């Protein structure tokens, strides 16, 4: 089911180029791999990663367990939320998770086409979206109990209110082709339109502020985005092979608040699919098929 995040879509060549950069750029970020989340079980398949301001890490696991694992700031697993099932409080193919300003955890379930909400300690609160979501891939919780959910097909971003009612739909408005993720921080949204090859940055009302477009030969596909507390935008881009070179080069691109590229970080994972950033700028990247969540941190490099 992890491969559901790689739906074949028709790629568009018409988009606004605000930032032109790819994984093949010469400038490299000064990040190195420093750790890997230690999962004590026999098997897991991480599909989504979320981190709150206390550096609690939530990992959505779409293996046969269908749960969300909680790790503390030291990377120690201390709790598991949910169990496989379709009843309220259970989870079925949880593809993404997000912490809200209220501290609650929002989980997008591909298998039940809904969003489940839990308190920070794992107590189940409610579900919503069952009647309108078709292919939920990404979720983000905004201010005022607003929740944003990416629907891959039809391509749109659904805006939900406090009680789970739909407040708006952003599809044609943003020109979405194949969105896979959404991230929220301090009144800003980053909508990852993977099939469109871009990340659209909007305000909380859906007004476009700018776009970033990874380029290369071939162009890498943006798959996930995350905001750092200081306002920087991190974009995970998965490499693609061309006819001459079989090697896949994936990376994380780091932008400032205006969409200017600051640096890039090469990622040594075969199929990176989820991204989160902690309060110190540490990068967490999940690779479902590799059964791994790796952590990258900045290290000072002379010169």
Protein backbone atom coordinates (compact mmCIF):
# COMPACT_ATOMS: atom_id res chain seq x y z
CA UNK A 1 0.00 0.00 0.00
CA UNK A 2 3.00 2.29 0.38
CA UNK A 3 3.18 2.34 -3.40
CA UNK A 4 -0.14 4.18 -3.41
CA UNK A 5 1.94 7.30 -2.80
CA UNK A 6 3.50 6.77 -6.22
CA UNK A 7 0.37 6.87 -8.37
CA UNK A 8 1.15 7.31 -12.07
CA UNK A 9 -0.12 10.69 -13.11
CA UNK A 10 0.26 12.75 -16.23
CA UNK A 11 3.02 15.27 -15.57
CA UNK A 12 2.43 18.88 -16.47
CA UNK A 13 5.09 21.05 -18.10
CA UNK A 14 3.27 24.33 -17.53
CA UNK A 15 3.90 25.89 -14.15
CA UNK A 16 5.16 29.16 -12.70
CA UNK A 17 8.92 29.09 -12.14
CA UNK A 18 9.74 31.06 -9.04
CA UNK A 19 12.68 29.07 -7.73
CA UNK A 20 14.58 26.93 -10.25
CA UNK A 21 16.79 24.37 -8.56
CA UNK A 22 17.25 20.60 -8.50
CA UNK A 23 19.06 17.84 -6.68
CA UNK A 24 21.88 18.22 -9.17
CA UNK A 25 22.69 21.73 -7.95
CA UNK A 26 26.29 22.38 -6.90
CA UNK A 27 25.44 23.89 -3.52
CA UNK A 28 25.19 21.24 -0.83
CA UNK A 29 23.78 21.42 2.67
CA UNK A 30 25.99 20.75 5.67
CA UNK A 31 23.88 17.96 7.08
CA UNK A 32 24.97 14.42 7.89
CA UNK A 33 23.13 11.29 8.93
CA UNK A 34 23.41 11.00 12.71
CA UNK A 35 20.85 8.41 13.80
CA UNK A 36 18.00 6.11 12.88
CA UNK A 37 14.84 5.67 14.92
CA UNK A 38 15.11 2.36 16.68
CA UNK A 39 11.99 0.28 16.22
CA UNK A 40 12.12 -2.73 18.58
CA UNK A 41 9.65 -4.87 16.62
CA UNK A 42 10.28 -7.23 13.75
CA UNK A 43 8.73 -5.14 10.99
CA UNK A 44 7.34 -1.68 10.32
CA UNK A 45 6.62 0.41 7.24
CA UNK A 46 6.76 4.14 8.10
CA UNK A 47 4.68 6.28 5.77
CA UNK A 48 4.29 9.59 7.61
CA UNK A 49 6.29 11.53 10.19
CA UNK A 50 5.20 14.43 12.41
CA UNK A 51 7.05 16.33 15.15
CA UNK A 52 5.59 18.74 17.70
CA UNK A 53 7.31 21.64 19.47
CA UNK A 54 8.41 19.31 22.28
CA UNK A 55 10.15 17.11 19.69
CA UNK A 56 7.76 14.21 20.15
CA UNK A 57 7.95 12.19 16.93
CA UNK A 58 4.85 10.45 15.56
CA UNK A 59 5.40 7.84 12.85
CA UNK A 60 2.44 6.52 10.86
CA UNK A 61 2.99 2.82 10.18
CA UNK A 62 1.11 1.25 7.26
CA UNK A 63 2.35 -2.27 7.90
CA UNK A 64 -0.13 -4.92 8.97
CA UNK A 65 -0.25 -3.22 12.37
CA UNK A 66 -1.79 0.04 11.03
CA UNK A 67 -0.79 2.19 14.03
CA UNK A 68 1.05 5.39 14.93
CA UNK A 69 4.22 5.07 17.01
CA UNK A 70 5.32 7.84 19.39
CA UNK A 71 9.01 8.48 20.10
CA UNK A 72 10.43 10.94 22.63
CA UNK A 73 13.09 13.53 21.90
CA UNK A 74 15.80 10.94 22.44
CA UNK A 75 14.35 8.63 19.81
CA UNK A 76 12.92 6.12 22.29
CA UNK A 77 9.58 4.50 21.43
CA UNK A 78 7.24 5.05 24.37
CA UNK A 79 3.70 4.56 23.06
CA UNK A 80 1.64 3.20 20.17
CA UNK A 81 -1.69 4.67 19.11
CA UNK A 82 -4.50 2.65 17.60
CA UNK A 83 -4.70 -0.82 16.15
CA UNK A 84 -5.76 -2.22 12.79
CA UNK A 85 -9.46 -1.83 12.16
CA UNK A 86 -12.17 0.41 10.79
CA UNK A 87 -14.06 1.24 13.96
CA UNK A 88 -13.66 4.67 15.61
CA UNK A 89 -10.35 4.71 17.44
CA UNK A 90 -8.86 2.07 15.15
CA UNK A 91 -6.68 2.81 12.12
CA UNK A 92 -6.56 1.34 8.64
CA UNK A 93 -3.59 2.27 6.43
CA UNK A 94 -2.58 5.50 8.22
CA UNK A 95 -0.53 7.30 5.55
CA UNK A 96 0.19 10.59 7.31
CA UNK A 97 0.04 12.31 10.69
CA UNK A 98 0.23 15.89 11.94
CA UNK A 99 0.24 17.61 15.31
CA UNK A 100 -2.13 20.56 15.62
CA UNK A 101 -1.73 23.82 17.55
CA UNK A 102 -4.10 22.25 20.09
CA UNK A 103 -1.57 19.47 20.69
CA UNK A 104 -3.83 16.81 19.24
CA UNK A 105 -2.66 14.31 16.63
CA UNK A 106 -4.45 14.13 13.28
CA UNK A 107 -4.07 10.92 11.26
CA UNK A 108 -5.02 10.58 7.59
CA UNK A 109 -6.23 7.06 6.82
CA UNK A 110 -6.07 5.91 3.22
CA UNK A 111 -7.88 2.66 3.98
CA UNK A 112 -10.97 4.22 5.58
CA UNK A 113 -10.88 7.55 3.68
CA UNK A 114 -11.06 9.61 6.82
CA UNK A 115 -9.09 11.54 9.46
CA UNK A 116 -8.86 10.29 13.04
CA UNK A 117 -8.08 12.67 15.90
CA UNK A 118 -6.30 11.69 19.12
CA UNK A 119 -5.20 13.56 22.22
CA UNK A 120 -1.42 13.75 22.77
CA UNK A 121 -1.59 10.75 25.11
CA UNK A 122 -3.41 8.66 22.50
CA UNK A 123 -6.99 9.03 23.73
CA UNK A 124 -9.34 8.86 20.75
CA UNK A 125 -11.50 11.94 20.13
CA UNK A 126 -13.32 11.74 16.79
CA UNK A 127 -13.22 11.00 13.06
CA UNK A 128 -14.30 13.08 10.09
CA UNK A 129 -14.17 13.19 6.32
CA UNK A 130 -15.60 9.73 5.60
CA UNK A 131 -18.24 11.06 3.22
CA UNK A 132 -16.01 13.32 1.12
CA UNK A 133 -12.44 12.01 1.09
CA UNK A 134 -11.50 9.65 -1.73
CA UNK A 135 -7.71 9.30 -1.59
CA UNK A 136 -6.38 11.15 1.48
CA UNK A 137 -2.58 11.34 1.41
CA UNK A 138 -1.55 14.28 3.59
CA UNK A 139 -2.95 16.17 6.57
CA UNK A 140 -2.08 19.38 8.40
CA UNK A 141 -3.79 21.15 11.29
CA UNK A 142 -3.98 24.93 11.25
CA UNK A 143 -5.14 27.71 13.50
CA UNK A 144 -8.69 27.86 14.79
CA UNK A 145 -9.18 24.09 14.56
CA UNK A 146 -8.91 24.23 10.78
CA UNK A 147 -7.66 21.00 9.22
CA UNK A 148 -6.26 20.69 5.70
CA UNK A 149 -6.36 17.33 3.92
CA UNK A 150 -4.80 16.48 0.56
CA UNK A 151 -7.03 14.41 -1.68
CA UNK A 152 -4.92 12.93 -4.48
CA UNK A 153 -7.73 11.88 -6.81
CA UNK A 154 -9.61 14.04 -7.58
CA UNK A 155 -6.68 16.43 -6.99
CA UNK A 156 -7.72 18.95 -4.35
CA UNK A 157 -7.02 20.28 -0.90
CA UNK A 158 -10.02 20.09 1.42
CA UNK A 159 -10.40 22.59 4.24
CA UNK A 160 -12.32 21.27 7.24
CA UNK A 161 -13.76 23.20 10.16
CA UNK A 162 -13.99 22.40 13.86
CA UNK A 163 -16.73 19.82 13.57
CA UNK A 164 -15.39 18.14 10.45
CA UNK A 165 -17.53 20.19 8.08
CA UNK A 166 -16.03 21.23 4.75
CA UNK A 167 -15.28 24.94 4.60
CA UNK A 168 -13.61 25.03 1.19
CA UNK A 169 -12.04 23.00 -1.61
CA UNK A 170 -8.83 24.12 -3.31
CA UNK A 171 -8.24 22.19 -6.49
CA UNK A 172 -8.79 24.21 -9.61
CA UNK A 173 -8.02 27.31 -7.59
CA UNK A 174 -4.42 26.16 -7.09
CA UNK A 175 -4.20 24.29 -10.39
CA UNK A 176 -3.41 21.03 -8.62
CA UNK A 177 -2.43 18.06 -10.76
CA UNK A 178 -1.47 15.39 -8.23
CA UNK A 179 -1.00 16.65 -4.66
CA UNK A 180 0.53 14.33 -2.06
CA UNK A 181 1.25 16.42 1.02
CA UNK A 182 0.45 19.60 2.93
CA UNK A 183 2.30 21.28 5.81
CA UNK A 184 1.19 24.18 8.03
CA UNK A 185 3.12 26.62 10.22
CA UNK A 186 2.25 30.08 11.53
CA UNK A 187 -0.40 30.92 8.96
CA UNK A 188 1.39 29.41 5.96
CA UNK A 189 0.66 26.29 3.97
CA UNK A 190 3.00 24.33 1.72
CA UNK A 191 1.01 22.21 -0.73
CA UNK A 192 3.14 19.57 -2.46
CA UNK A 193 1.81 19.02 -5.98
CA UNK A 194 4.00 16.05 -6.84
CA UNK A 195 2.67 15.34 -10.32
CA UNK A 196 2.86 19.06 -11.06
CA UNK A 197 6.50 19.11 -9.95
CA UNK A 198 6.11 22.01 -7.54
CA UNK A 199 5.34 23.16 -4.02
CA UNK A 200 2.76 25.94 -3.67
CA UNK A 201 3.07 28.22 -0.64
CA UNK A 202 -0.18 29.93 0.39
CA UNK A 203 -1.59 31.81 3.33
CA UNK A 204 -4.28 30.23 5.46
CA UNK A 205 -6.97 31.38 3.06
CA UNK A 206 -5.40 29.78 0.01
CA UNK A 207 -3.90 32.92 -1.51
CA UNK A 208 -0.71 31.92 -3.35
CA UNK A 209 2.42 33.61 -1.99
CA UNK A 210 5.00 31.87 -4.19
CA UNK A 211 6.03 28.50 -5.61
CA UNK A 212 9.21 26.45 -5.56
CA UNK A 213 9.99 24.11 -8.42
CA UNK A 214 12.81 21.55 -8.20
CA UNK A 215 14.50 21.08 -11.56
CA UNK A 216 17.13 18.71 -12.86
CA UNK A 217 17.82 16.23 -15.62
CA UNK A 218 15.58 14.46 -15.00
CA UNK A 219 13.72 16.70 -12.56
CA UNK A 220 13.25 15.21 -9.09
CA UNK A 221 9.69 14.83 -7.79
CA UNK A 222 8.74 16.78 -4.66
CA UNK A 223 6.92 14.42 -2.32
CA UNK A 224 6.82 16.01 1.15
CA UNK A 225 7.27 19.38 2.86
CA UNK A 226 7.87 20.52 6.43
CA UNK A 227 8.29 23.88 8.15
CA UNK A 228 11.00 24.70 10.64
CA UNK A 229 9.99 26.88 13.63
CA UNK A 230 12.18 29.69 12.28
CA UNK A 231 10.14 29.74 9.06
CA UNK A 232 12.37 27.83 6.67
CA UNK A 233 10.67 25.39 4.30
CA UNK A 234 12.14 21.91 3.80
CA UNK A 235 11.12 19.98 0.67
CA UNK A 236 11.85 16.29 0.15
CA UNK A 237 12.40 15.55 -3.55
CA UNK A 238 12.72 12.00 -4.85
CA UNK A 239 15.18 11.43 -7.69
CA UNK A 240 14.30 9.84 -11.01
CA UNK A 241 16.54 7.87 -13.34
CA UNK A 242 17.30 8.96 -16.87
CA UNK A 243 18.36 6.76 -19.79
CA UNK A 244 22.07 7.44 -19.34
CA UNK A 245 22.31 7.21 -15.56
CA UNK A 246 20.54 4.67 -13.42
CA UNK A 247 21.45 6.17 -10.05
CA UNK A 248 18.65 7.93 -8.20
CA UNK A 249 19.63 11.05 -6.29
CA UNK A 250 17.08 12.21 -3.74
CA UNK A 251 17.51 15.27 -1.57
CA UNK A 252 16.00 17.79 0.80
CA UNK A 253 15.87 21.37 -0.48
CA UNK A 254 15.82 24.16 2.11
CA UNK A 255 14.19 27.53 1.30
CA UNK A 256 13.78 30.78 3.18
CA UNK A 257 10.41 32.45 3.79
CA UNK A 258 10.45 34.03 0.32
CA UNK A 259 11.23 30.83 -1.55
CA UNK A 260 14.94 31.45 -2.03
CA UNK A 261 17.03 28.30 -2.03
CA UNK A 262 19.44 28.13 0.90
CA UNK A 263 20.93 24.66 0.60
CA UNK A 264 20.32 21.04 -0.23
CA UNK A 265 20.91 17.77 1.59
CA UNK A 266 21.54 14.52 -0.28
CA UNK A 267 19.52 11.57 1.00
CA UNK A 268 20.91 8.06 0.94
CA UNK A 269 17.58 6.23 0.89
CA UNK A 270 16.06 4.26 -2.02
CA UNK A 271 12.46 5.50 -1.70
CA UNK A 272 12.18 8.43 0.74
CA UNK A 273 8.54 9.31 1.23
CA UNK A 274 7.98 11.30 4.43
CA UNK A 275 9.64 14.30 6.05
CA UNK A 276 9.57 16.20 9.34
CA UNK A 277 11.84 18.79 11.00
CA UNK A 278 12.40 19.16 14.74
CA UNK A 279 12.89 22.34 16.78
CA UNK A 280 16.66 22.22 16.22
CA UNK A 281 16.44 21.88 12.46
CA UNK A 282 17.06 18.14 12.52
CA UNK A 283 15.61 16.32 9.53
CA UNK A 284 13.63 13.08 9.89
CA UNK A 285 13.05 11.09 6.70
CA UNK A 286 10.97 7.92 6.43
CA UNK A 287 11.41 5.26 3.77
CA UNK A 288 8.62 2.71 3.91
CA UNK A 289 10.08 0.00 1.66
CA UNK A 290 13.42 0.32 3.49
CA UNK A 291 11.61 0.10 6.88
CA UNK A 292 13.61 3.07 8.08
CA UNK A 293 13.38 6.55 9.61
CA UNK A 294 16.75 8.28 9.42
CA UNK A 295 17.78 11.48 11.18
CA UNK A 296 20.05 14.13 9.68
CA UNK A 297 21.59 16.98 11.65
CA UNK A 298 23.70 20.00 10.80
CA UNK A 299 27.42 19.69 11.34
CA UNK A 300 29.82 22.58 10.95
CA UNK A 301 32.17 22.14 8.00
CA UNK A 302 35.20 24.37 7.57
CA UNK A 303 35.45 26.24 4.28
